[in-house]
């Protein structure tokens, strides 16, 4: 700057460094407008600033410290309240969130429970298709071994959001809100247990060719059965319905699971209706009952669903 104290107070031009006494609107040398305020960014940049700030505020509410339940702003490696370390997965997902998922969509998926401790992470569905999987797509869940490489796709059909199973190994499970029709072979979740509705096997209690009968316990008439599916796909507990209803819960039910902390006392039931059809009913359980979809299924606001071990909630934003 070319000025001295005896010249008084003024502003040095940012273009040519010439001193202009205070009060002059333009540089006396080159005519550049003078101001003490920082230059205003171009309109294109101003248009981007507000959405990013709003998303930052929203994302700051999404990750909650596991130690003290305090909100942790995006990009912070430690909790400001207790000093707990933020999982690397949370930091990586926050970066992904601020990249391709800036534009507002009609819906978003909020992670409620997951294998990697990044609950609250939000995925905005701003495109037309949104693939979820362990390796491929816009929603990647790399740490969940129960998620297929390409597991499901979230698609807009007009104003409706639809989830489509992409031929995954373990399927997509959606929480039932009311009595839901099911068919033999349908799988469903109660607590941490996986079940399948099976028809009663064909009667094979006749004699062998030499007219000798197989010695066994007496058979009771049973309209259907519920089979627990263990890891690896092998059957576990099997309950043959004695009437037209089978109840499932932690205690005092036909099928009891006292050690399942996610199972309510009386969690759900399967009914054979008078029309010869089956329905799955959630009996006001705390954590819900989920049915495996076939093909695709429409999703609405506040719907819950499982992809592998990850539980999501749908929030319609438009």
C-alpha atoms as a PDB file:
ATOM      1  CA  UNK A   1       0.000   0.000   0.000  1.00  0.00           C
ATOM      2  CA  UNK A   2       1.346   3.401  -1.011  1.00  0.00           C
ATOM      3  CA  UNK A   3       0.234   5.780   1.752  1.00  0.00           C
ATOM      4  CA  UNK A   4       1.513   7.317   4.973  1.00  0.00           C
ATOM      5  CA  UNK A   5       0.012   8.359   8.302  1.00  0.00           C
ATOM      6  CA  UNK A   6      -0.088  12.055   7.310  1.00  0.00           C
ATOM      7  CA  UNK A   7      -2.373  11.184   4.428  1.00  0.00           C
ATOM      8  CA  UNK A   8      -5.155  10.340   6.886  1.00  0.00           C
ATOM      9  CA  UNK A   9      -7.382   7.270   6.953  1.00  0.00           C
ATOM     10  CA  UNK A  10      -8.380   5.575   3.769  1.00  0.00           C
ATOM     11  CA  UNK A  11      -8.632   2.317   1.819  1.00  0.00           C
ATOM     12  CA  UNK A  12      -6.011   0.567  -0.276  1.00  0.00           C
ATOM     13  CA  UNK A  13      -7.430  -0.513  -3.621  1.00  0.00           C
ATOM     14  CA  UNK A  14      -7.532  -4.266  -3.984  1.00  0.00           C
ATOM     15  CA  UNK A  15      -6.825  -4.022  -7.692  1.00  0.00           C
ATOM     16  CA  UNK A  16      -3.876  -1.606  -7.894  1.00  0.00           C
ATOM     17  CA  UNK A  17      -2.914  -1.022  -4.218  1.00  0.00           C
ATOM     18  CA  UNK A  18      -3.405   2.759  -4.553  1.00  0.00           C
ATOM     19  CA  UNK A  19      -4.437   4.631  -1.389  1.00  0.00           C
ATOM     20  CA  UNK A  20      -7.761   6.513  -1.543  1.00  0.00           C
ATOM     21  CA  UNK A  21      -8.895   8.711   1.368  1.00  0.00           C
ATOM     22  CA  UNK A  22     -11.884   7.437   3.362  1.00  0.00           C
ATOM     23  CA  UNK A  23     -15.194   8.404   1.756  1.00  0.00           C
ATOM     24  CA  UNK A  24     -14.120   8.022  -1.838  1.00  0.00           C
ATOM     25  CA  UNK A  25     -16.436   5.550  -3.621  1.00  0.00           C
ATOM     26  CA  UNK A  26     -13.851   4.525  -6.215  1.00  0.00           C
ATOM     27  CA  UNK A  27     -10.084   4.186  -6.496  1.00  0.00           C
ATOM     28  CA  UNK A  28      -8.494   7.484  -7.579  1.00  0.00           C
ATOM     29  CA  UNK A  29      -6.062   5.553  -9.784  1.00  0.00           C
ATOM     30  CA  UNK A  30      -8.057   2.805 -11.554  1.00  0.00           C
ATOM     31  CA  UNK A  31     -11.687   3.536 -10.654  1.00  0.00           C
ATOM     32  CA  UNK A  32     -12.377   0.199  -8.899  1.00  0.00           C
ATOM     33  CA  UNK A  33     -15.354   0.431  -6.429  1.00  0.00           C
ATOM     34  CA  UNK A  34     -14.119   0.549  -2.805  1.00  0.00           C
ATOM     35  CA  UNK A  35     -15.828  -1.037   0.213  1.00  0.00           C
ATOM     36  CA  UNK A  36     -14.903  -2.388   3.642  1.00  0.00           C
ATOM     37  CA  UNK A  37     -17.374  -5.265   3.198  1.00  0.00           C
ATOM     38  CA  UNK A  38     -16.155  -8.532   1.643  1.00  0.00           C
ATOM     39  CA  UNK A  39     -17.135  -8.942  -1.998  1.00  0.00           C
ATOM     40  CA  UNK A  40     -20.450 -10.704  -2.537  1.00  0.00           C
ATOM     41  CA  UNK A  41     -20.088 -14.125  -4.174  1.00  0.00           C
ATOM     42  CA  UNK A  42     -21.605 -14.750  -7.600  1.00  0.00           C
ATOM     43  CA  UNK A  43     -25.283 -15.682  -7.738  1.00  0.00           C
ATOM     44  CA  UNK A  44     -24.421 -19.256  -8.733  1.00  0.00           C
ATOM     45  CA  UNK A  45     -22.349 -19.689  -5.573  1.00  0.00           C
ATOM     46  CA  UNK A  46     -24.986 -18.036  -3.354  1.00  0.00           C
ATOM     47  CA  UNK A  47     -27.558 -20.513  -4.661  1.00  0.00           C
ATOM     48  CA  UNK A  48     -25.424 -23.408  -3.404  1.00  0.00           C
ATOM     49  CA  UNK A  49     -24.597 -22.023   0.036  1.00  0.00           C
ATOM     50  CA  UNK A  50     -28.037 -22.168   1.675  1.00  0.00           C
ATOM     51  CA  UNK A  51     -28.864 -25.822   0.857  1.00  0.00           C
ATOM     52  CA  UNK A  52     -25.450 -26.976   2.050  1.00  0.00           C
ATOM     53  CA  UNK A  53     -25.874 -25.105   5.337  1.00  0.00           C
ATOM     54  CA  UNK A  54     -29.337 -26.583   5.841  1.00  0.00           C
ATOM     55  CA  UNK A  55     -28.062 -30.087   5.111  1.00  0.00           C
ATOM     56  CA  UNK A  56     -25.176 -29.539   7.552  1.00  0.00           C
ATOM     57  CA  UNK A  57     -27.612 -28.615  10.314  1.00  0.00           C
ATOM     58  CA  UNK A  58     -29.754 -31.629   9.542  1.00  0.00           C
ATOM     59  CA  UNK A  59     -26.842 -34.038   9.368  1.00  0.00           C
ATOM     60  CA  UNK A  60     -25.509 -32.726  12.705  1.00  0.00           C
ATOM     61  CA  UNK A  61     -28.648 -34.108  14.304  1.00  0.00           C
ATOM     62  CA  UNK A  62     -28.247 -37.469  12.627  1.00  0.00           C
ATOM     63  CA  UNK A  63     -25.207 -38.953  14.359  1.00  0.00           C
ATOM     64  CA  UNK A  64     -25.647 -39.377  18.097  1.00  0.00           C
ATOM     65  CA  UNK A  65     -22.741 -40.253  20.388  1.00  0.00           C
ATOM     66  CA  UNK A  66     -23.009 -43.826  21.681  1.00  0.00           C
ATOM     67  CA  UNK A  67     -21.512 -42.890  25.041  1.00  0.00           C
ATOM     68  CA  UNK A  68     -23.415 -39.752  26.101  1.00  0.00           C
ATOM     69  CA  UNK A  69     -26.151 -39.356  23.408  1.00  0.00           C
ATOM     70  CA  UNK A  70     -24.886 -35.886  22.438  1.00  0.00           C
ATOM     71  CA  UNK A  71     -25.188 -34.765  18.779  1.00  0.00           C
ATOM     72  CA  UNK A  72     -21.895 -34.771  16.877  1.00  0.00           C
ATOM     73  CA  UNK A  73     -21.487 -32.300  13.968  1.00  0.00           C
ATOM     74  CA  UNK A  74     -20.466 -33.792  10.609  1.00  0.00           C
ATOM     75  CA  UNK A  75     -16.741 -34.227  10.067  1.00  0.00           C
ATOM     76  CA  UNK A  76     -15.881 -34.254  13.794  1.00  0.00           C
ATOM     77  CA  UNK A  77     -13.771 -37.230  14.813  1.00  0.00           C
ATOM     78  CA  UNK A  78     -14.599 -36.955  18.528  1.00  0.00           C
ATOM     79  CA  UNK A  79     -17.687 -36.182  20.575  1.00  0.00           C
ATOM     80  CA  UNK A  80     -17.438 -32.628  21.939  1.00  0.00           C
ATOM     81  CA  UNK A  81     -19.204 -33.600  25.175  1.00  0.00           C
ATOM     82  CA  UNK A  82     -17.394 -36.742  26.317  1.00  0.00           C
ATOM     83  CA  UNK A  83     -14.538 -37.191  23.822  1.00  0.00           C
ATOM     84  CA  UNK A  84     -15.734 -40.552  22.462  1.00  0.00           C
ATOM     85  CA  UNK A  85     -14.343 -41.479  19.045  1.00  0.00           C
ATOM     86  CA  UNK A  86     -16.732 -41.190  16.083  1.00  0.00           C
ATOM     87  CA  UNK A  87     -16.705 -44.464  14.065  1.00  0.00           C
ATOM     88  CA  UNK A  88     -14.869 -44.164  10.734  1.00  0.00           C
ATOM     89  CA  UNK A  89     -17.992 -45.464   8.969  1.00  0.00           C
ATOM     90  CA  UNK A  90     -19.964 -42.467  10.220  1.00  0.00           C
ATOM     91  CA  UNK A  91     -17.363 -40.039   8.897  1.00  0.00           C
ATOM     92  CA  UNK A  92     -17.294 -41.754   5.503  1.00  0.00           C
ATOM     93  CA  UNK A  93     -21.062 -41.830   5.216  1.00  0.00           C
ATOM     94  CA  UNK A  94     -21.312 -38.135   6.096  1.00  0.00           C
ATOM     95  CA  UNK A  95     -18.973 -37.361   3.205  1.00  0.00           C
ATOM     96  CA  UNK A  96     -21.119 -39.439   0.866  1.00  0.00           C
ATOM     97  CA  UNK A  97     -24.221 -37.671   2.118  1.00  0.00           C
ATOM     98  CA  UNK A  98     -22.873 -34.210   1.273  1.00  0.00           C
ATOM     99  CA  UNK A  99     -21.766 -35.297  -2.182  1.00  0.00           C
ATOM    100  CA  UNK A 100     -24.255 -36.887  -4.592  1.00  0.00           C
ATOM    101  CA  UNK A 101     -27.235 -36.590  -2.246  1.00  0.00           C
ATOM    102  CA  UNK A 102     -27.619 -32.824  -2.020  1.00  0.00           C
ATOM    103  CA  UNK A 103     -30.690 -32.340  -4.182  1.00  0.00           C
ATOM    104  CA  UNK A 104     -33.962 -32.749  -2.261  1.00  0.00           C
ATOM    105  CA  UNK A 105     -35.977 -35.834  -3.178  1.00  0.00           C
ATOM    106  CA  UNK A 106     -39.514 -36.967  -2.576  1.00  0.00           C
ATOM    107  CA  UNK A 107     -38.397 -39.388   0.140  1.00  0.00           C
ATOM    108  CA  UNK A 108     -35.456 -40.262   2.339  1.00  0.00           C
ATOM    109  CA  UNK A 109     -34.345 -43.364   4.219  1.00  0.00           C
ATOM    110  CA  UNK A 110     -33.215 -42.986   7.835  1.00  0.00           C
ATOM    111  CA  UNK A 111     -31.051 -45.715   9.354  1.00  0.00           C
ATOM    112  CA  UNK A 112     -32.585 -46.731  12.692  1.00  0.00           C
ATOM    113  CA  UNK A 113     -30.360 -49.667  13.584  1.00  0.00           C
ATOM    114  CA  UNK A 114     -27.303 -51.114  11.871  1.00  0.00           C
ATOM    115  CA  UNK A 115     -24.295 -53.322  12.268  1.00  0.00           C
ATOM    116  CA  UNK A 116     -21.726 -50.493  12.146  1.00  0.00           C
ATOM    117  CA  UNK A 117     -23.073 -47.978  14.695  1.00  0.00           C
ATOM    118  CA  UNK A 118     -24.069 -45.218  12.258  1.00  0.00           C
ATOM    119  CA  UNK A 119     -27.709 -44.946  13.290  1.00  0.00           C
ATOM    120  CA  UNK A 120     -29.447 -41.798  12.100  1.00  0.00           C
ATOM    121  CA  UNK A 121     -27.630 -41.632   8.773  1.00  0.00           C
ATOM    122  CA  UNK A 122     -29.991 -40.303   6.086  1.00  0.00           C
ATOM    123  CA  UNK A 123     -30.104 -41.175   2.388  1.00  0.00           C
ATOM    124  CA  UNK A 124     -31.995 -38.734   0.171  1.00  0.00           C
ATOM    125  CA  UNK A 125     -33.719 -40.419  -2.762  1.00  0.00           C
ATOM    126  CA  UNK A 126     -33.371 -37.654  -5.338  1.00  0.00           C
ATOM    127  CA  UNK A 127     -33.034 -39.771  -8.494  1.00  0.00           C
ATOM    128  CA  UNK A 128     -35.380 -42.185 -10.240  1.00  0.00           C
ATOM    129  CA  UNK A 129     -33.680 -45.393  -9.052  1.00  0.00           C
ATOM    130  CA  UNK A 130     -31.548 -45.965  -5.955  1.00  0.00           C
ATOM    131  CA  UNK A 131     -29.759 -49.313  -5.676  1.00  0.00           C
ATOM    132  CA  UNK A 132     -28.843 -50.639  -2.225  1.00  0.00           C
ATOM    133  CA  UNK A 133     -26.345 -53.422  -1.640  1.00  0.00           C
ATOM    134  CA  UNK A 134     -23.143 -54.549  -0.013  1.00  0.00           C
ATOM    135  CA  UNK A 135     -20.999 -53.479  -2.982  1.00  0.00           C
ATOM    136  CA  UNK A 136     -23.106 -51.764  -5.650  1.00  0.00           C
ATOM    137  CA  UNK A 137     -25.388 -48.756  -5.820  1.00  0.00           C
ATOM    138  CA  UNK A 138     -25.998 -45.436  -4.097  1.00  0.00           C
ATOM    139  CA  UNK A 139     -26.767 -47.010  -0.700  1.00  0.00           C
ATOM    140  CA  UNK A 140     -23.807 -49.224   0.197  1.00  0.00           C
ATOM    141  CA  UNK A 141     -23.781 -51.337   3.379  1.00  0.00           C
ATOM    142  CA  UNK A 142     -20.324 -52.948   3.199  1.00  0.00           C
ATOM    143  CA  UNK A 143     -20.221 -54.419   6.710  1.00  0.00           C
ATOM    144  CA  UNK A 144     -23.467 -56.415   6.551  1.00  0.00           C
ATOM    145  CA  UNK A 145     -22.775 -59.953   5.362  1.00  0.00           C
ATOM    146  CA  UNK A 146     -26.527 -60.622   5.080  1.00  0.00           C
ATOM    147  CA  UNK A 147     -26.870 -57.961   2.367  1.00  0.00           C
ATOM    148  CA  UNK A 148     -26.299 -59.136  -1.213  1.00  0.00           C
ATOM    149  CA  UNK A 149     -23.870 -57.184  -3.444  1.00  0.00           C
ATOM    150  CA  UNK A 150     -26.918 -55.784  -5.277  1.00  0.00           C
ATOM    151  CA  UNK A 151     -29.805 -56.235  -2.857  1.00  0.00           C
ATOM    152  CA  UNK A 152     -32.736 -53.890  -3.576  1.00  0.00           C
ATOM    153  CA  UNK A 153     -33.774 -50.881  -5.634  1.00  0.00           C
ATOM    154  CA  UNK A 154     -35.905 -47.919  -4.549  1.00  0.00           C
ATOM    155  CA  UNK A 155     -37.906 -46.580  -7.479  1.00  0.00           C
ATOM    156  CA  UNK A 156     -40.355 -43.727  -7.967  1.00  0.00           C
ATOM    157  CA  UNK A 157     -43.503 -44.610  -9.874  1.00  0.00           C
ATOM    158  CA  UNK A 158     -45.174 -41.248 -10.220  1.00  0.00           C
ATOM    159  CA  UNK A 159     -45.606 -39.972  -6.675  1.00  0.00           C
ATOM    160  CA  UNK A 160     -45.212 -43.457  -5.161  1.00  0.00           C
ATOM    161  CA  UNK A 161     -42.014 -44.957  -3.740  1.00  0.00           C
ATOM    162  CA  UNK A 162     -41.543 -48.651  -4.460  1.00  0.00           C
ATOM    163  CA  UNK A 163     -38.898 -51.067  -3.175  1.00  0.00           C
ATOM    164  CA  UNK A 164     -37.950 -53.938  -5.474  1.00  0.00           C
ATOM    165  CA  UNK A 165     -36.007 -57.013  -4.403  1.00  0.00           C
ATOM    166  CA  UNK A 166     -33.148 -57.431  -6.876  1.00  0.00           C
ATOM    167  CA  UNK A 167     -32.971 -61.198  -6.380  1.00  0.00           C
ATOM    168  CA  UNK A 168     -31.200 -60.877  -3.024  1.00  0.00           C
ATOM    169  CA  UNK A 169     -30.320 -63.921  -0.968  1.00  0.00           C
ATOM    170  CA  UNK A 170     -32.070 -62.777   2.224  1.00  0.00           C
ATOM    171  CA  UNK A 171     -34.820 -60.536   0.895  1.00  0.00           C
ATOM    172  CA  UNK A 172     -36.464 -57.282   1.985  1.00  0.00           C
ATOM    173  CA  UNK A 173     -38.716 -57.330   5.065  1.00  0.00           C
ATOM    174  CA  UNK A 174     -41.376 -54.621   5.512  1.00  0.00           C
ATOM    175  CA  UNK A 175     -43.178 -53.988   8.804  1.00  0.00           C
ATOM    176  CA  UNK A 176     -46.873 -54.905   8.759  1.00  0.00           C
ATOM    177  CA  UNK A 177     -49.322 -52.216   9.910  1.00  0.00           C
ATOM    178  CA  UNK A 178     -52.493 -54.297   9.720  1.00  0.00           C
ATOM    179  CA  UNK A 179     -53.488 -57.947   9.163  1.00  0.00           C
ATOM    180  CA  UNK A 180     -51.523 -58.901   6.057  1.00  0.00           C
ATOM    181  CA  UNK A 181     -52.380 -61.781   3.693  1.00  0.00           C
ATOM    182  CA  UNK A 182     -49.590 -64.331   3.346  1.00  0.00           C
ATOM    183  CA  UNK A 183     -49.169 -67.584   1.461  1.00  0.00           C
ATOM    184  CA  UNK A 184     -47.421 -70.874   2.269  1.00  0.00           C
ATOM    185  CA  UNK A 185     -43.701 -70.315   1.815  1.00  0.00           C
ATOM    186  CA  UNK A 186     -43.823 -66.692   3.031  1.00  0.00           C
ATOM    187  CA  UNK A 187     -41.106 -65.729   5.514  1.00  0.00           C
ATOM    188  CA  UNK A 188     -41.541 -63.190   8.305  1.00  0.00           C
ATOM    189  CA  UNK A 189     -39.626 -61.709  11.259  1.00  0.00           C
ATOM    190  CA  UNK A 190     -40.589 -61.442  14.915  1.00  0.00           C
ATOM    191  CA  UNK A 191     -37.852 -60.088  17.169  1.00  0.00           C
ATOM    192  CA  UNK A 192     -34.635 -61.699  15.932  1.00  0.00           C
ATOM    193  CA  UNK A 193     -36.396 -64.854  14.754  1.00  0.00           C
ATOM    194  CA  UNK A 194     -37.112 -65.774  11.140  1.00  0.00           C
ATOM    195  CA  UNK A 195     -40.198 -67.902  10.434  1.00  0.00           C
ATOM    196  CA  UNK A 196     -41.852 -69.513   7.430  1.00  0.00           C
ATOM    197  CA  UNK A 197     -45.472 -70.472   6.907  1.00  0.00           C
ATOM    198  CA  UNK A 198     -45.610 -74.070   5.663  1.00  0.00           C
ATOM    199  CA  UNK A 199     -48.532 -76.224   4.554  1.00  0.00           C
ATOM    200  CA  UNK A 200     -49.212 -79.484   6.331  1.00  0.00           C
ATOM    201  CA  UNK A 201     -47.171 -82.244   4.633  1.00  0.00           C
ATOM    202  CA  UNK A 202     -48.958 -84.945   2.692  1.00  0.00           C
ATOM    203  CA  UNK A 203     -49.979 -87.903   4.815  1.00  0.00           C
ATOM    204  CA  UNK A 204     -47.332 -90.622   4.436  1.00  0.00           C
ATOM    205  CA  UNK A 205     -48.379 -92.744   7.405  1.00  0.00           C
ATOM    206  CA  UNK A 206     -49.436 -95.715   5.290  1.00  0.00           C
ATOM    207  CA  UNK A 207     -47.703 -99.102   5.499  1.00  0.00           C
ATOM    208  CA  UNK A 208     -44.573-100.134   3.664  1.00  0.00           C
ATOM    209  CA  UNK A 209     -44.881-102.574   0.742  1.00  0.00           C
ATOM    210  CA  UNK A 210     -44.753-105.445   3.224  1.00  0.00           C
ATOM    211  CA  UNK A 211     -47.704-103.872   5.101  1.00  0.00           C
ATOM    212  CA  UNK A 212     -45.546-102.859   8.094  1.00  0.00           C
ATOM    213  CA  UNK A 213     -46.322 -99.487   9.651  1.00  0.00           C
ATOM    214  CA  UNK A 214     -43.618 -97.114  10.876  1.00  0.00           C
ATOM    215  CA  UNK A 215     -43.758 -96.943  14.653  1.00  0.00           C
ATOM    216  CA  UNK A 216     -44.149 -93.305  15.824  1.00  0.00           C
ATOM    217  CA  UNK A 217     -46.130 -90.910  17.978  1.00  0.00           C
ATOM    218  CA  UNK A 218     -49.769 -90.401  17.049  1.00  0.00           C
ATOM    219  CA  UNK A 219     -50.465 -87.658  14.518  1.00  0.00           C
ATOM    220  CA  UNK A 220     -52.908 -84.883  15.234  1.00  0.00           C
ATOM    221  CA  UNK A 221     -54.821 -83.061  12.521  1.00  0.00           C
ATOM    222  CA  UNK A 222     -53.047 -79.799  11.683  1.00  0.00           C
ATOM    223  CA  UNK A 223     -54.124 -77.198   9.075  1.00  0.00           C
ATOM    224  CA  UNK A 224     -50.646 -75.625   8.780  1.00  0.00           C
ATOM    225  CA  UNK A 225     -47.305 -75.263  10.515  1.00  0.00           C
ATOM    226  CA  UNK A 226     -44.836 -72.496  11.405  1.00  0.00           C
ATOM    227  CA  UNK A 227     -41.141 -73.263  10.942  1.00  0.00           C
ATOM    228  CA  UNK A 228     -38.311 -71.340  12.555  1.00  0.00           C
ATOM    229  CA  UNK A 229     -35.432 -70.781  10.097  1.00  0.00           C
ATOM    230  CA  UNK A 230     -31.939 -70.951  11.609  1.00  0.00           C
ATOM    231  CA  UNK A 231     -28.745 -69.557  10.127  1.00  0.00           C
ATOM    232  CA  UNK A 232     -27.776 -71.472   7.046  1.00  0.00           C
ATOM    233  CA  UNK A 233     -31.425 -72.027   6.138  1.00  0.00           C
ATOM    234  CA  UNK A 234     -31.904 -75.133   8.276  1.00  0.00           C
ATOM    235  CA  UNK A 235     -35.231 -75.594  10.117  1.00  0.00           C
ATOM    236  CA  UNK A 236     -35.331 -75.041  13.869  1.00  0.00           C
ATOM    237  CA  UNK A 237     -38.477 -75.193  15.971  1.00  0.00           C
ATOM    238  CA  UNK A 238     -41.557 -76.435  14.095  1.00  0.00           C
ATOM    239  CA  UNK A 239     -45.062 -75.928  15.454  1.00  0.00           C
ATOM    240  CA  UNK A 240     -48.018 -77.759  13.936  1.00  0.00           C
ATOM    241  CA  UNK A 241     -51.166 -75.693  14.389  1.00  0.00           C
ATOM    242  CA  UNK A 242     -53.849 -77.480  16.365  1.00  0.00           C
ATOM    243  CA  UNK A 243     -56.526 -74.939  15.555  1.00  0.00           C
ATOM    244  CA  UNK A 244     -56.610 -72.081  13.061  1.00  0.00           C
ATOM    245  CA  UNK A 245     -54.237 -69.778  14.968  1.00  0.00           C
ATOM    246  CA  UNK A 246     -50.570 -69.953  16.011  1.00  0.00           C
ATOM    247  CA  UNK A 247     -49.276 -67.334  18.459  1.00  0.00           C
ATOM    248  CA  UNK A 248     -45.638 -66.240  18.735  1.00  0.00           C
ATOM    249  CA  UNK A 249     -44.007 -64.349  21.600  1.00  0.00           C
ATOM    250  CA  UNK A 250     -41.683 -64.365  24.561  1.00  0.00           C
ATOM    251  CA  UNK A 251     -44.046 -66.245  26.892  1.00  0.00           C
ATOM    252  CA  UNK A 252     -47.478 -67.894  27.146  1.00  0.00           C
ATOM    253  CA  UNK A 253     -47.669 -68.438  23.377  1.00  0.00           C
ATOM    254  CA  UNK A 254     -47.611 -71.474  21.090  1.00  0.00           C
ATOM    255  CA  UNK A 255     -44.014 -70.626  20.125  1.00  0.00           C
ATOM    256  CA  UNK A 256     -42.016 -68.968  22.934  1.00  0.00           C
ATOM    257  CA  UNK A 257     -38.602 -67.262  22.776  1.00  0.00           C
ATOM    258  CA  UNK A 258     -37.823 -66.042  26.313  1.00  0.00           C
ATOM    259  CA  UNK A 259     -34.233 -65.033  25.490  1.00  0.00           C
ATOM    260  CA  UNK A 260     -35.083 -62.778  22.528  1.00  0.00           C
ATOM    261  CA  UNK A 261     -34.886 -59.216  23.900  1.00  0.00           C
ATOM    262  CA  UNK A 262     -36.624 -57.826  20.797  1.00  0.00           C
ATOM    263  CA  UNK A 263     -39.619 -60.148  21.184  1.00  0.00           C
ATOM    264  CA  UNK A 264     -42.722 -58.892  22.992  1.00  0.00           C
ATOM    265  CA  UNK A 265     -44.670 -61.081  25.423  1.00  0.00           C
ATOM    266  CA  UNK A 266     -47.343 -61.723  22.807  1.00  0.00           C
ATOM    267  CA  UNK A 267     -45.768 -60.575  19.588  1.00  0.00           C
ATOM    268  CA  UNK A 268     -47.713 -61.865  16.580  1.00  0.00           C
ATOM    269  CA  UNK A 269     -50.024 -64.555  15.294  1.00  0.00           C
ATOM    270  CA  UNK A 270     -50.746 -66.407  12.066  1.00  0.00           C
ATOM    271  CA  UNK A 271     -54.395 -67.112  11.306  1.00  0.00           C
ATOM    272  CA  UNK A 272     -56.219 -69.380   8.876  1.00  0.00           C
ATOM    273  CA  UNK A 273     -59.348 -67.435   7.970  1.00  0.00           C
ATOM    274  CA  UNK A 274     -62.760 -68.844   7.122  1.00  0.00           C
ATOM    275  CA  UNK A 275     -62.035 -68.353   3.406  1.00  0.00           C
ATOM    276  CA  UNK A 276     -59.104 -70.771   3.610  1.00  0.00           C
ATOM    277  CA  UNK A 277     -56.526 -67.990   3.425  1.00  0.00           C
ATOM    278  CA  UNK A 278     -53.740 -67.008   5.805  1.00  0.00           C
ATOM    279  CA  UNK A 279     -52.943 -63.665   7.402  1.00  0.00           C
ATOM    280  CA  UNK A 280     -50.130 -62.366   9.585  1.00  0.00           C
ATOM    281  CA  UNK A 281     -51.195 -60.146  12.490  1.00  0.00           C
ATOM    282  CA  UNK A 282     -48.931 -58.044  14.721  1.00  0.00           C
ATOM    283  CA  UNK A 283     -50.398 -58.024  18.243  1.00  0.00           C
ATOM    284  CA  UNK A 284     -49.200 -54.540  19.251  1.00  0.00           C
ATOM    285  CA  UNK A 285     -45.592 -55.672  19.625  1.00  0.00           C
ATOM    286  CA  UNK A 286     -42.959 -53.140  20.646  1.00  0.00           C
ATOM    287  CA  UNK A 287     -40.542 -53.796  17.768  1.00  0.00           C
ATOM    288  CA  UNK A 288     -42.932 -54.845  15.043  1.00  0.00           C
ATOM    289  CA  UNK A 289     -43.494 -57.805  12.758  1.00  0.00           C
ATOM    290  CA  UNK A 290     -41.947 -57.808   9.274  1.00  0.00           C
ATOM    291  CA  UNK A 291     -42.936 -59.808   6.204  1.00  0.00           C
ATOM    292  CA  UNK A 292     -40.616 -60.654   3.320  1.00  0.00           C
ATOM    293  CA  UNK A 293     -41.846 -59.081   0.094  1.00  0.00           C
ATOM    294  CA  UNK A 294     -42.177 -60.878  -3.202  1.00  0.00           C
ATOM    295  CA  UNK A 295     -41.048 -58.848  -6.177  1.00  0.00           C
ATOM    296  CA  UNK A 296     -41.778 -55.266  -5.202  1.00  0.00           C
ATOM    297  CA  UNK A 297     -43.811 -53.355  -2.643  1.00  0.00           C
ATOM    298  CA  UNK A 298     -45.038 -49.776  -2.282  1.00  0.00           C
ATOM    299  CA  UNK A 299     -43.639 -47.872   0.701  1.00  0.00           C
ATOM    300  CA  UNK A 300     -45.332 -45.036   2.564  1.00  0.00           C
ATOM    301  CA  UNK A 301     -44.400 -42.458   5.167  1.00  0.00           C
ATOM    302  CA  UNK A 302     -43.206 -44.001   8.480  1.00  0.00           C
ATOM    303  CA  UNK A 303     -42.839 -47.482   6.988  1.00  0.00           C
ATOM    304  CA  UNK A 304     -40.015 -49.584   8.441  1.00  0.00           C
ATOM    305  CA  UNK A 305     -38.044 -52.243   6.597  1.00  0.00           C
ATOM    306  CA  UNK A 306     -34.985 -54.481   6.975  1.00  0.00           C
ATOM    307  CA  UNK A 307     -32.127 -54.892   4.506  1.00  0.00           C
ATOM    308  CA  UNK A 308     -30.018 -57.606   6.076  1.00  0.00           C
ATOM    309  CA  UNK A 309     -29.420 -56.464   9.661  1.00  0.00           C
ATOM    310  CA  UNK A 310     -30.063 -52.792   8.859  1.00  0.00           C
ATOM    311  CA  UNK A 311     -33.407 -51.301   9.888  1.00  0.00           C
ATOM    312  CA  UNK A 312     -34.605 -48.219   7.977  1.00  0.00           C
ATOM    313  CA  UNK A 313     -37.539 -45.819   8.264  1.00  0.00           C
ATOM    314  CA  UNK A 314     -39.130 -44.101   5.259  1.00  0.00           C
ATOM    315  CA  UNK A 315     -39.811 -40.365   5.444  1.00  0.00           C
ATOM    316  CA  UNK A 316     -41.758 -38.800   2.597  1.00  0.00           C
ATOM    317  CA  UNK A 317     -40.558 -35.217   2.106  1.00  0.00           C
ATOM    318  CA  UNK A 318     -42.749 -34.082  -0.805  1.00  0.00           C
END
